[in-house]
Amino acid sequence: MSAPEVLFVKVNIKIFRDDGFLAAIGADRLHTLIALATYMDKDGFCYPSESLLGKNLGISATQVSQRIKDLATFRWKEGVVISVDKLKREKGRFQNNCYFISFDCGVSIFDNN
């Protein structure tokens, strides 16, 4: 099955606006979360490189790394917003990170179907 040509990032208005997520998360973390969400699959997983995220966000890969660490330690209602796992290649060297975005933060994707 091929990926849809168009995906949309959607937010739950109740969580984002009414429950205070926007006020709590802050601009840089939100900016980074939305960039990650543009790569997520229907289950909340995504695998963009830090250099690609840096290009998308207009910042350096080093700044992306710092933002990811900050976002991974941020808690919303005592739960994680994102979790990060390092993927290893066959010979033990690190590949990209695997990011998981919790749906509890109100972010998900959908297509036109």
PDB file of N, CA and C in Angstrom:
ATOM      1  N   MET A   1       0.841  -1.175   0.000  1.00  0.00           N
ATOM      2  CA  MET A   1       0.000   0.000   0.000  1.00  0.00           C
ATOM      3  C   MET A   1       0.888   1.240   0.000  1.00  0.00           C
ATOM      4  N   SER A   2       0.652   2.139  -0.908  1.00  0.00           N
ATOM      5  CA  SER A   2       1.474   3.346  -0.988  1.00  0.00           C
ATOM      6  C   SER A   2       0.913   4.436  -0.080  1.00  0.00           C
ATOM      7  N   ALA A   3       1.801   5.344   0.297  1.00  0.00           N
ATOM      8  CA  ALA A   3       1.395   6.450   1.169  1.00  0.00           C
ATOM      9  C   ALA A   3       0.520   7.421   0.387  1.00  0.00           C
ATOM     10  N   PRO A   4      -0.459   8.031   1.055  1.00  0.00           N
ATOM     11  CA  PRO A   4      -1.292   9.024   0.374  1.00  0.00           C
ATOM     12  C   PRO A   4      -0.440  10.206  -0.064  1.00  0.00           C
ATOM     13  N   GLU A   5      -0.865  10.853  -1.149  1.00  0.00           N
ATOM     14  CA  GLU A   5      -0.115  12.011  -1.642  1.00  0.00           C
ATOM     15  C   GLU A   5      -0.244  13.212  -0.716  1.00  0.00           C
ATOM     16  N   VAL A   6      -1.373  13.314  -0.030  1.00  0.00           N
ATOM     17  CA  VAL A   6      -1.610  14.459   0.837  1.00  0.00           C
ATOM     18  C   VAL A   6      -2.021  13.959   2.220  1.00  0.00           C
ATOM     19  N   LEU A   7      -1.322  14.429   3.226  1.00  0.00           N
ATOM     20  CA  LEU A   7      -1.683  14.175   4.619  1.00  0.00           C
ATOM     21  C   LEU A   7      -1.874  15.513   5.303  1.00  0.00           C
ATOM     22  N   PHE A   8      -2.699  15.521   6.312  1.00  0.00           N
ATOM     23  CA  PHE A   8      -2.958  16.735   7.067  1.00  0.00           C
ATOM     24  C   PHE A   8      -2.634  16.481   8.528  1.00  0.00           C
ATOM     25  N   VAL A   9      -2.032  17.465   9.159  1.00  0.00           N
ATOM     26  CA  VAL A   9      -1.834  17.419  10.598  1.00  0.00           C
ATOM     27  C   VAL A   9      -3.066  18.064  11.204  1.00  0.00           C
ATOM     28  N   LYS A  10      -3.672  17.394  12.175  1.00  0.00           N
ATOM     29  CA  LYS A  10      -4.836  17.990  12.828  1.00  0.00           C
ATOM     30  C   LYS A  10      -4.571  18.107  14.319  1.00  0.00           C
ATOM     31  N   VAL A  11      -5.225  19.077  14.924  1.00  0.00           N
ATOM     32  CA  VAL A  11      -5.093  19.283  16.359  1.00  0.00           C
ATOM     33  C   VAL A  11      -6.476  19.234  16.993  1.00  0.00           C
ATOM     34  N   ASN A  12      -6.518  18.745  18.199  1.00  0.00           N
ATOM     35  CA  ASN A  12      -7.739  18.703  18.980  1.00  0.00           C
ATOM     36  C   ASN A  12      -7.865  20.056  19.682  1.00  0.00           C
ATOM     37  N   ILE A  13      -8.846  20.832  19.266  1.00  0.00           N
ATOM     38  CA  ILE A  13      -9.005  22.191  19.792  1.00  0.00           C
ATOM     39  C   ILE A  13      -9.214  22.189  21.298  1.00  0.00           C
ATOM     40  N   LYS A  14      -9.958  21.226  21.810  1.00  0.00           N
ATOM     41  CA  LYS A  14     -10.200  21.166  23.257  1.00  0.00           C
ATOM     42  C   LYS A  14      -8.878  21.064  24.010  1.00  0.00           C
ATOM     43  N   ILE A  15      -7.999  20.154  23.559  1.00  0.00           N
ATOM     44  CA  ILE A  15      -6.703  19.988  24.233  1.00  0.00           C
ATOM     45  C   ILE A  15      -5.814  21.201  23.990  1.00  0.00           C
ATOM     46  N   PHE A  16      -5.677  21.595  22.727  1.00  0.00           N
ATOM     47  CA  PHE A  16      -4.759  22.674  22.382  1.00  0.00           C
ATOM     48  C   PHE A  16      -5.133  23.998  23.021  1.00  0.00           C
ATOM     49  N   ARG A  17      -6.360  24.417  22.826  1.00  0.00           N
ATOM     50  CA  ARG A  17      -6.758  25.746  23.281  1.00  0.00           C
ATOM     51  C   ARG A  17      -7.418  25.720  24.648  1.00  0.00           C
ATOM     52  N   ASP A  18      -8.464  24.929  24.765  1.00  0.00           N
ATOM     53  CA  ASP A  18      -9.300  24.993  25.967  1.00  0.00           C
ATOM     54  C   ASP A  18      -8.626  24.400  27.202  1.00  0.00           C
ATOM     55  N   ASP A  19      -7.868  23.314  27.045  1.00  0.00           N
ATOM     56  CA  ASP A  19      -7.205  22.682  28.191  1.00  0.00           C
ATOM     57  C   ASP A  19      -5.856  23.311  28.518  1.00  0.00           C
ATOM     58  N   GLY A  20      -5.372  24.242  27.684  1.00  0.00           N
ATOM     59  CA  GLY A  20      -4.160  24.977  28.003  1.00  0.00           C
ATOM     60  C   GLY A  20      -2.856  24.433  27.451  1.00  0.00           C
ATOM     61  N   PHE A  21      -2.924  23.465  26.524  1.00  0.00           N
ATOM     62  CA  PHE A  21      -1.696  22.899  25.968  1.00  0.00           C
ATOM     63  C   PHE A  21      -0.838  23.969  25.293  1.00  0.00           C
ATOM     64  N   LEU A  22      -1.446  24.842  24.503  1.00  0.00           N
ATOM     65  CA  LEU A  22      -0.683  25.900  23.815  1.00  0.00           C
ATOM     66  C   LEU A  22       0.061  26.801  24.788  1.00  0.00           C
ATOM     67  N   ALA A  23      -0.582  27.171  25.849  1.00  0.00           N
ATOM     68  CA  ALA A  23       0.059  28.037  26.840  1.00  0.00           C
ATOM     69  C   ALA A  23       1.201  27.313  27.547  1.00  0.00           C
ATOM     70  N   ALA A  24       1.039  26.021  27.772  1.00  0.00           N
ATOM     71  CA  ALA A  24       2.044  25.259  28.512  1.00  0.00           C
ATOM     72  C   ALA A  24       3.263  24.891  27.681  1.00  0.00           C
ATOM     73  N   ILE A  25       3.071  24.571  26.414  1.00  0.00           N
ATOM     74  CA  ILE A  25       4.169  24.013  25.622  1.00  0.00           C
ATOM     75  C   ILE A  25       5.195  25.064  25.187  1.00  0.00           C
ATOM     76  N   GLY A  26       4.795  26.272  24.912  1.00  0.00           N
ATOM     77  CA  GLY A  26       5.723  27.308  24.472  1.00  0.00           C
ATOM     78  C   GLY A  26       6.034  27.214  22.978  1.00  0.00           C
ATOM     79  N   ALA A  27       6.538  28.291  22.441  1.00  0.00           N
ATOM     80  CA  ALA A  27       6.700  28.439  20.994  1.00  0.00           C
ATOM     81  C   ALA A  27       7.712  27.472  20.378  1.00  0.00           C
ATOM     82  N   ASP A  28       8.913  27.371  20.934  1.00  0.00           N
ATOM     83  CA  ASP A  28       9.941  26.506  20.327  1.00  0.00           C
ATOM     84  C   ASP A  28       9.542  25.037  20.363  1.00  0.00           C
ATOM     85  N   ARG A  29       8.987  24.596  21.484  1.00  0.00           N
ATOM     86  CA  ARG A  29       8.561  23.190  21.568  1.00  0.00           C
ATOM     87  C   ARG A  29       7.419  22.914  20.598  1.00  0.00           C
ATOM     88  N   LEU A  30       6.466  23.845  20.495  1.00  0.00           N
ATOM     89  CA  LEU A  30       5.347  23.672  19.565  1.00  0.00           C
ATOM     90  C   LEU A  30       5.851  23.638  18.119  1.00  0.00           C
ATOM     91  N   HIS A  31       6.736  24.537  17.785  1.00  0.00           N
ATOM     92  CA  HIS A  31       7.341  24.602  16.455  1.00  0.00           C
ATOM     93  C   HIS A  31       7.980  23.258  16.097  1.00  0.00           C
ATOM     94  N   THR A  32       8.708  22.699  17.028  1.00  0.00           N
ATOM     95  CA  THR A  32       9.382  21.419  16.821  1.00  0.00           C
ATOM     96  C   THR A  32       8.378  20.278  16.737  1.00  0.00           C
ATOM     97  N   LEU A  33       7.375  20.281  17.594  1.00  0.00           N
ATOM     98  CA  LEU A  33       6.346  19.241  17.571  1.00  0.00           C
ATOM     99  C   LEU A  33       5.615  19.226  16.234  1.00  0.00           C
ATOM    100  N   ILE A  34       5.238  20.378  15.737  1.00  0.00           N
ATOM    101  CA  ILE A  34       4.513  20.439  14.465  1.00  0.00           C
ATOM    102  C   ILE A  34       5.406  19.954  13.323  1.00  0.00           C
ATOM    103  N   ALA A  35       6.692  20.320  13.350  1.00  0.00           N
ATOM    104  CA  ALA A  35       7.609  19.825  12.315  1.00  0.00           C
ATOM    105  C   ALA A  35       7.687  18.299  12.356  1.00  0.00           C
ATOM    106  N   LEU A  36       7.818  17.719  13.546  1.00  0.00           N
ATOM    107  CA  LEU A  36       7.827  16.257  13.674  1.00  0.00           C
ATOM    108  C   LEU A  36       6.519  15.652  13.178  1.00  0.00           C
ATOM    109  N   ALA A  37       5.408  16.287  13.532  1.00  0.00           N
ATOM    110  CA  ALA A  37       4.094  15.753  13.165  1.00  0.00           C
ATOM    111  C   ALA A  37       3.900  15.675  11.658  1.00  0.00           C
ATOM    112  N   THR A  38       4.590  16.516  10.895  1.00  0.00           N
ATOM    113  CA  THR A  38       4.447  16.452   9.438  1.00  0.00           C
ATOM    114  C   THR A  38       5.059  15.180   8.861  1.00  0.00           C
ATOM    115  N   TYR A  39       5.813  14.444   9.669  1.00  0.00           N
ATOM    116  CA  TYR A  39       6.421  13.179   9.240  1.00  0.00           C
ATOM    117  C   TYR A  39       5.771  11.955   9.885  1.00  0.00           C
ATOM    118  N   MET A  40       4.829  12.150  10.795  1.00  0.00           N
ATOM    119  CA  MET A  40       4.302  11.021  11.551  1.00  0.00           C
ATOM    120  C   MET A  40       3.375  10.137  10.718  1.00  0.00           C
ATOM    121  N   ASP A  41       3.333   8.868  11.102  1.00  0.00           N
ATOM    122  CA  ASP A  41       2.388   7.950  10.474  1.00  0.00           C
ATOM    123  C   ASP A  41       1.116   7.890  11.323  1.00  0.00           C
ATOM    124  N   LYS A  42       0.168   7.072  10.918  1.00  0.00           N
ATOM    125  CA  LYS A  42      -1.129   7.019  11.606  1.00  0.00           C
ATOM    126  C   LYS A  42      -1.027   6.560  13.053  1.00  0.00           C
ATOM    127  N   ASP A  43       0.097   5.902  13.392  1.00  0.00           N
ATOM    128  CA  ASP A  43       0.292   5.412  14.752  1.00  0.00           C
ATOM    129  C   ASP A  43       1.102   6.360  15.625  1.00  0.00           C
ATOM    130  N   GLY A  44       1.566   7.479  15.054  1.00  0.00           N
ATOM    131  CA  GLY A  44       2.304   8.462  15.827  1.00  0.00           C
ATOM    132  C   GLY A  44       3.819   8.367  15.721  1.00  0.00           C
ATOM    133  N   PHE A  45       4.332   7.469  14.859  1.00  0.00           N
ATOM    134  CA  PHE A  45       5.782   7.295  14.705  1.00  0.00           C
ATOM    135  C   PHE A  45       6.301   8.108  13.522  1.00  0.00           C
ATOM    136  N   CYS A  46       7.540   8.601  13.652  1.00  0.00           N
ATOM    137  CA  CYS A  46       8.195   9.294  12.538  1.00  0.00           C
ATOM    138  C   CYS A  46       9.709   9.167  12.687  1.00  0.00           C
ATOM    139  N   TYR A  47      10.419   9.351  11.568  1.00  0.00           N
ATOM    140  CA  TYR A  47      11.845   9.059  11.518  1.00  0.00           C
ATOM    141  C   TYR A  47      12.690  10.124  10.803  1.00  0.00           C
ATOM    142  N   PRO A  48      12.339  11.397  10.842  1.00  0.00           N
ATOM    143  CA  PRO A  48      13.166  12.381  10.127  1.00  0.00           C
ATOM    144  C   PRO A  48      14.519  12.570  10.805  1.00  0.00           C
ATOM    145  N   SER A  49      15.524  12.877  10.014  1.00  0.00           N
ATOM    146  CA  SER A  49      16.844  13.164  10.580  1.00  0.00           C
ATOM    147  C   SER A  49      16.840  14.561  11.196  1.00  0.00           C
ATOM    148  N   GLU A  50      17.798  14.793  12.081  1.00  0.00           N
ATOM    149  CA  GLU A  50      17.908  16.118  12.691  1.00  0.00           C
ATOM    150  C   GLU A  50      18.301  17.163  11.655  1.00  0.00           C
ATOM    151  N   SER A  51      19.092  16.763  10.673  1.00  0.00           N
ATOM    152  CA  SER A  51      19.464  17.737   9.638  1.00  0.00           C
ATOM    153  C   SER A  51      18.243  18.114   8.788  1.00  0.00           C
ATOM    154  N   LEU A  52      17.367  17.150   8.494  1.00  0.00           N
ATOM    155  CA  LEU A  52      16.147  17.454   7.736  1.00  0.00           C
ATOM    156  C   LEU A  52      15.214  18.341   8.563  1.00  0.00           C
ATOM    157  N   LEU A  53      15.054  18.023   9.837  1.00  0.00           N
ATOM    158  CA  LEU A  53      14.231  18.872  10.701  1.00  0.00           C
ATOM    159  C   LEU A  53      14.806  20.280  10.796  1.00  0.00           C
ATOM    160  N   GLY A  54      16.135  20.370  10.876  1.00  0.00           N
ATOM    161  CA  GLY A  54      16.781  21.678  10.914  1.00  0.00           C
ATOM    162  C   GLY A  54      16.470  22.491   9.673  1.00  0.00           C
ATOM    163  N   LYS A  55      16.513  21.829   8.522  1.00  0.00           N
ATOM    164  CA  LYS A  55      16.184  22.505   7.264  1.00  0.00           C
ATOM    165  C   LYS A  55      14.730  22.979   7.291  1.00  0.00           C
ATOM    166  N   ASN A  56      13.830  22.113   7.750  1.00  0.00           N
ATOM    167  CA  ASN A  56      12.412  22.467   7.828  1.00  0.00           C
ATOM    168  C   ASN A  56      12.150  23.624   8.779  1.00  0.00           C
ATOM    169  N   LEU A  57      12.873  23.651   9.894  1.00  0.00           N
ATOM    170  CA  LEU A  57      12.653  24.656  10.935  1.00  0.00           C
ATOM    171  C   LEU A  57      13.492  25.916  10.749  1.00  0.00           C
ATOM    172  N   GLY A  58      14.477  25.858   9.858  1.00  0.00           N
ATOM    173  CA  GLY A  58      15.358  27.010   9.658  1.00  0.00           C
ATOM    174  C   GLY A  58      16.364  27.188  10.772  1.00  0.00           C
ATOM    175  N   ILE A  59      16.778  26.065  11.388  1.00  0.00           N
ATOM    176  CA  ILE A  59      17.765  26.107  12.468  1.00  0.00           C
ATOM    177  C   ILE A  59      18.806  25.013  12.233  1.00  0.00           C
ATOM    178  N   SER A  60      19.875  25.027  13.007  1.00  0.00           N
ATOM    179  CA  SER A  60      20.931  24.033  12.845  1.00  0.00           C
ATOM    180  C   SER A  60      20.510  22.682  13.437  1.00  0.00           C
ATOM    181  N   ALA A  61      21.184  21.626  13.009  1.00  0.00           N
ATOM    182  CA  ALA A  61      20.934  20.285  13.553  1.00  0.00           C
ATOM    183  C   ALA A  61      21.228  20.266  15.060  1.00  0.00           C
ATOM    184  N   THR A  62      22.218  21.027  15.493  1.00  0.00           N
ATOM    185  CA  THR A  62      22.535  21.116  16.918  1.00  0.00           C
ATOM    186  C   THR A  62      21.368  21.728  17.684  1.00  0.00           C
ATOM    187  N   GLN A  63      20.766  22.769  17.132  1.00  0.00           N
ATOM    188  CA  GLN A  63      19.603  23.383  17.769  1.00  0.00           C
ATOM    189  C   GLN A  63      18.419  22.417  17.778  1.00  0.00           C
ATOM    190  N   VAL A  64      18.265  21.649  16.699  1.00  0.00           N
ATOM    191  CA  VAL A  64      17.198  20.643  16.654  1.00  0.00           C
ATOM    192  C   VAL A  64      17.400  19.645  17.785  1.00  0.00           C
ATOM    193  N   SER A  65      18.617  19.163  17.954  1.00  0.00           N
ATOM    194  CA  SER A  65      18.921  18.199  19.003  1.00  0.00           C
ATOM    195  C   SER A  65      18.537  18.754  20.371  1.00  0.00           C
ATOM    196  N   GLN A  66      18.866  20.013  20.622  1.00  0.00           N
ATOM    197  CA  GLN A  66      18.524  20.644  21.903  1.00  0.00           C
ATOM    198  C   GLN A  66      17.012  20.752  22.072  1.00  0.00           C
ATOM    199  N   ARG A  67      16.326  21.128  20.994  1.00  0.00           N
ATOM    200  CA  ARG A  67      14.867  21.249  21.064  1.00  0.00           C
ATOM    201  C   ARG A  67      14.199  19.896  21.283  1.00  0.00           C
ATOM    202  N   ILE A  68      14.712  18.860  20.630  1.00  0.00           N
ATOM    203  CA  ILE A  68      14.150  17.517  20.792  1.00  0.00           C
ATOM    204  C   ILE A  68      14.300  17.074  22.253  1.00  0.00           C
ATOM    205  N   LYS A  69      15.485  17.304  22.823  1.00  0.00           N
ATOM    206  CA  LYS A  69      15.701  16.948  24.231  1.00  0.00           C
ATOM    207  C   LYS A  69      14.719  17.689  25.133  1.00  0.00           C
ATOM    208  N   ASP A  70      14.527  18.969  24.866  1.00  0.00           N
ATOM    209  CA  ASP A  70      13.599  19.778  25.650  1.00  0.00           C
ATOM    210  C   ASP A  70      12.164  19.263  25.496  1.00  0.00           C
ATOM    211  N   LEU A  71      11.763  18.973  24.277  1.00  0.00           N
ATOM    212  CA  LEU A  71      10.414  18.480  24.023  1.00  0.00           C
ATOM    213  C   LEU A  71      10.199  17.102  24.650  1.00  0.00           C
ATOM    214  N   ALA A  72      11.220  16.258  24.626  1.00  0.00           N
ATOM    215  CA  ALA A  72      11.102  14.913  25.199  1.00  0.00           C
ATOM    216  C   ALA A  72      10.980  14.948  26.725  1.00  0.00           C
ATOM    217  N   THR A  73      11.481  16.000  27.359  1.00  0.00           N
ATOM    218  CA  THR A  73      11.359  16.102  28.820  1.00  0.00           C
ATOM    219  C   THR A  73      10.103  16.867  29.252  1.00  0.00           C
ATOM    220  N   PHE A  74       9.458  17.540  28.306  1.00  0.00           N
ATOM    221  CA  PHE A  74       8.230  18.282  28.594  1.00  0.00           C
ATOM    222  C   PHE A  74       7.102  17.287  28.895  1.00  0.00           C
ATOM    223  N   ARG A  75       6.328  17.578  29.921  1.00  0.00           N
ATOM    224  CA  ARG A  75       5.206  16.721  30.299  1.00  0.00           C
ATOM    225  C   ARG A  75       3.904  17.489  30.184  1.00  0.00           C
ATOM    226  N   TRP A  76       2.912  16.816  29.628  1.00  0.00           N
ATOM    227  CA  TRP A  76       1.573  17.377  29.556  1.00  0.00           C
ATOM    228  C   TRP A  76       0.662  16.480  30.371  1.00  0.00           C
ATOM    229  N   LYS A  77       0.088  17.030  31.412  1.00  0.00           N
ATOM    230  CA  LYS A  77      -0.762  16.264  32.330  1.00  0.00           C
ATOM    231  C   LYS A  77      -0.065  14.985  32.777  1.00  0.00           C
ATOM    232  N   GLU A  78       1.210  15.135  33.126  1.00  0.00           N
ATOM    233  CA  GLU A  78       2.066  14.072  33.651  1.00  0.00           C
ATOM    234  C   GLU A  78       2.462  13.017  32.623  1.00  0.00           C
ATOM    235  N   GLY A  79       2.116  13.218  31.352  1.00  0.00           N
ATOM    236  CA  GLY A  79       2.498  12.274  30.314  1.00  0.00           C
ATOM    237  C   GLY A  79       3.481  12.887  29.330  1.00  0.00           C
ATOM    238  N   VAL A  80       4.208  12.039  28.620  1.00  0.00           N
ATOM    239  CA  VAL A  80       5.145  12.530  27.615  1.00  0.00           C
ATOM    240  C   VAL A  80       4.383  13.008  26.391  1.00  0.00           C
ATOM    241  N   VAL A  81       4.956  13.983  25.714  1.00  0.00           N
ATOM    242  CA  VAL A  81       4.415  14.450  24.438  1.00  0.00           C
ATOM    243  C   VAL A  81       5.084  13.672  23.313  1.00  0.00           C
ATOM    244  N   ILE A  82       6.420  13.547  23.407  1.00  0.00           N
ATOM    245  CA  ILE A  82       7.137  12.690  22.456  1.00  0.00           C
ATOM    246  C   ILE A  82       8.099  11.791  23.220  1.00  0.00           C
ATOM    247  N   SER A  83       8.385  10.651  22.631  1.00  0.00           N
ATOM    248  CA  SER A  83       9.469   9.812  23.131  1.00  0.00           C
ATOM    249  C   SER A  83      10.422   9.579  21.964  1.00  0.00           C
ATOM    250  N   VAL A  84      11.683   9.340  22.293  1.00  0.00           N
ATOM    251  CA  VAL A  84      12.731   9.210  21.288  1.00  0.00           C
ATOM    252  C   VAL A  84      13.500   7.916  21.538  1.00  0.00           C
ATOM    253  N   ASP A  85      13.675   7.136  20.482  1.00  0.00           N
ATOM    254  CA  ASP A  85      14.508   5.936  20.529  1.00  0.00           C
ATOM    255  C   ASP A  85      15.532   6.027  19.424  1.00  0.00           C
ATOM    256  N   LYS A  86      16.770   5.703  19.749  1.00  0.00           N
ATOM    257  CA  LYS A  86      17.824   5.680  18.732  1.00  0.00           C
ATOM    258  C   LYS A  86      17.783   4.330  18.019  1.00  0.00           C
ATOM    259  N   LEU A  87      17.781   4.378  16.701  1.00  0.00           N
ATOM    260  CA  LEU A  87      17.805   3.157  15.899  1.00  0.00           C
ATOM    261  C   LEU A  87      19.240   2.842  15.531  1.00  0.00           C
ATOM    262  N   LYS A  88      19.629   1.587  15.655  1.00  0.00           N
ATOM    263  CA  LYS A  88      20.996   1.184  15.324  1.00  0.00           C
ATOM    264  C   LYS A  88      21.016   0.431  14.003  1.00  0.00           C
ATOM    265  N   ARG A  89      22.084   0.650  13.265  1.00  0.00           N
ATOM    266  CA  ARG A  89      22.321  -0.117  12.046  1.00  0.00           C
ATOM    267  C   ARG A  89      22.935  -1.451  12.431  1.00  0.00           C
ATOM    268  N   GLU A  90      23.169  -2.270  11.453  1.00  0.00           N
ATOM    269  CA  GLU A  90      23.725  -3.601  11.672  1.00  0.00           C
ATOM    270  C   GLU A  90      25.025  -3.595  12.462  1.00  0.00           C
ATOM    271  N   LYS A  91      25.941  -2.714  12.156  1.00  0.00           N
ATOM    272  CA  LYS A  91      27.255  -2.706  12.786  1.00  0.00           C
ATOM    273  C   LYS A  91      27.296  -1.858  14.055  1.00  0.00           C
ATOM    274  N   GLY A  92      26.145  -1.555  14.608  1.00  0.00           N
ATOM    275  CA  GLY A  92      26.104  -0.849  15.885  1.00  0.00           C
ATOM    276  C   GLY A  92      26.146   0.662  15.819  1.00  0.00           C
ATOM    277  N   ARG A  93      26.357   1.221  14.626  1.00  0.00           N
ATOM    278  CA  ARG A  93      26.349   2.681  14.509  1.00  0.00           C
ATOM    279  C   ARG A  93      24.908   3.188  14.525  1.00  0.00           C
ATOM    280  N   PHE A  94      24.742   4.408  15.034  1.00  0.00           N
ATOM    281  CA  PHE A  94      23.399   4.956  15.105  1.00  0.00           C
ATOM    282  C   PHE A  94      22.923   5.430  13.743  1.00  0.00           C
ATOM    283  N   GLN A  95      21.649   5.230  13.526  1.00  0.00           N
ATOM    284  CA  GLN A  95      20.955   5.698  12.334  1.00  0.00           C
ATOM    285  C   GLN A  95      20.105   6.880  12.777  1.00  0.00           C
ATOM    286  N   ASN A  96      18.951   7.082  12.196  1.00  0.00           N
ATOM    287  CA  ASN A  96      18.034   8.133  12.633  1.00  0.00           C
ATOM    288  C   ASN A  96      17.396   7.785  13.969  1.00  0.00           C
ATOM    289  N   ASN A  97      16.812   8.794  14.572  1.00  0.00           N
ATOM    290  CA  ASN A  97      15.985   8.570  15.745  1.00  0.00           C
ATOM    291  C   ASN A  97      14.596   8.141  15.296  1.00  0.00           C
ATOM    292  N   CYS A  98      13.932   7.397  16.139  1.00  0.00           N
ATOM    293  CA  CYS A  98      12.518   7.091  15.966  1.00  0.00           C
ATOM    294  C   CYS A  98      11.779   7.917  17.005  1.00  0.00           C
ATOM    295  N   TYR A  99      10.870   8.738  16.551  1.00  0.00           N
ATOM    296  CA  TYR A  99      10.086   9.583  17.433  1.00  0.00           C
ATOM    297  C   TYR A  99       8.663   9.035  17.516  1.00  0.00           C
ATOM    298  N   PHE A 100       8.086   9.084  18.699  1.00  0.00           N
ATOM    299  CA  PHE A 100       6.685   8.734  18.872  1.00  0.00           C
ATOM    300  C   PHE A 100       5.980   9.940  19.467  1.00  0.00           C
ATOM    301  N   ILE A 101       4.933  10.389  18.802  1.00  0.00           N
ATOM    302  CA  ILE A 101       4.148  11.523  19.275  1.00  0.00           C
ATOM    303  C   ILE A 101       2.885  10.979  19.935  1.00  0.00           C
ATOM    304  N   SER A 102       2.705  11.307  21.195  1.00  0.00           N
ATOM    305  CA  SER A 102       1.540  10.838  21.943  1.00  0.00           C
ATOM    306  C   SER A 102       0.287  11.564  21.466  1.00  0.00           C
ATOM    307  N   PHE A 103      -0.758  10.811  21.211  1.00  0.00           N
ATOM    308  CA  PHE A 103      -2.021  11.421  20.806  1.00  0.00           C
ATOM    309  C   PHE A 103      -2.670  12.196  21.953  1.00  0.00           C
ATOM    310  N   ASP A 104      -2.195  11.985  23.169  1.00  0.00           N
ATOM    311  CA  ASP A 104      -2.729  12.711  24.331  1.00  0.00           C
ATOM    312  C   ASP A 104      -2.475  14.211  24.240  1.00  0.00           C
ATOM    313  N   CYS A 105      -1.514  14.611  23.396  1.00  0.00           N
ATOM    314  CA  CYS A 105      -1.234  16.044  23.250  1.00  0.00           C
ATOM    315  C   CYS A 105      -2.154  16.692  22.212  1.00  0.00           C
ATOM    316  N   GLY A 106      -3.006  15.898  21.561  1.00  0.00           N
ATOM    317  CA  GLY A 106      -3.986  16.459  20.653  1.00  0.00           C
ATOM    318  C   GLY A 106      -3.553  16.565  19.208  1.00  0.00           C
ATOM    319  N   VAL A 107      -2.418  15.957  18.828  1.00  0.00           N
ATOM    320  CA  VAL A 107      -1.916  16.024  17.464  1.00  0.00           C
ATOM    321  C   VAL A 107      -2.071  14.654  16.807  1.00  0.00           C
ATOM    322  N   SER A 108      -2.586  14.651  15.580  1.00  0.00           N
ATOM    323  CA  SER A 108      -2.657  13.409  14.798  1.00  0.00           C
ATOM    324  C   SER A 108      -2.660  13.789  13.323  1.00  0.00           C
ATOM    325  N   ILE A 109      -2.768  12.781  12.471  1.00  0.00           N
ATOM    326  CA  ILE A 109      -2.801  13.043  11.033  1.00  0.00           C
ATOM    327  C   ILE A 109      -4.051  12.408  10.441  1.00  0.00           C
ATOM    328  N   PHE A 110      -4.398  12.876   9.255  1.00  0.00           N
ATOM    329  CA  PHE A 110      -5.457  12.239   8.478  1.00  0.00           C
ATOM    330  C   PHE A 110      -5.197  12.531   7.010  1.00  0.00           C
ATOM    331  N   ASP A 111      -5.800  11.722   6.149  1.00  0.00           N
ATOM    332  CA  ASP A 111      -5.688  11.985   4.715  1.00  0.00           C
ATOM    333  C   ASP A 111      -7.064  12.374   4.194  1.00  0.00           C
ATOM    334  N   ASN A 112      -7.199  12.485   2.894  1.00  0.00           N
ATOM    335  CA  ASN A 112      -8.451  12.918   2.298  1.00  0.00           C
ATOM    336  C   ASN A 112      -9.530  11.843   2.302  1.00  0.00           C
ATOM    337  N   ASN A 113      -9.180  10.602   2.642  1.00  0.00           N
ATOM    338  CA  ASN A 113     -10.158   9.509   2.558  1.00  0.00           C
ATOM    339  C   ASN A 113     -11.075   9.453   3.736  1.00  0.00           C
TER     340      ASN A 113
END
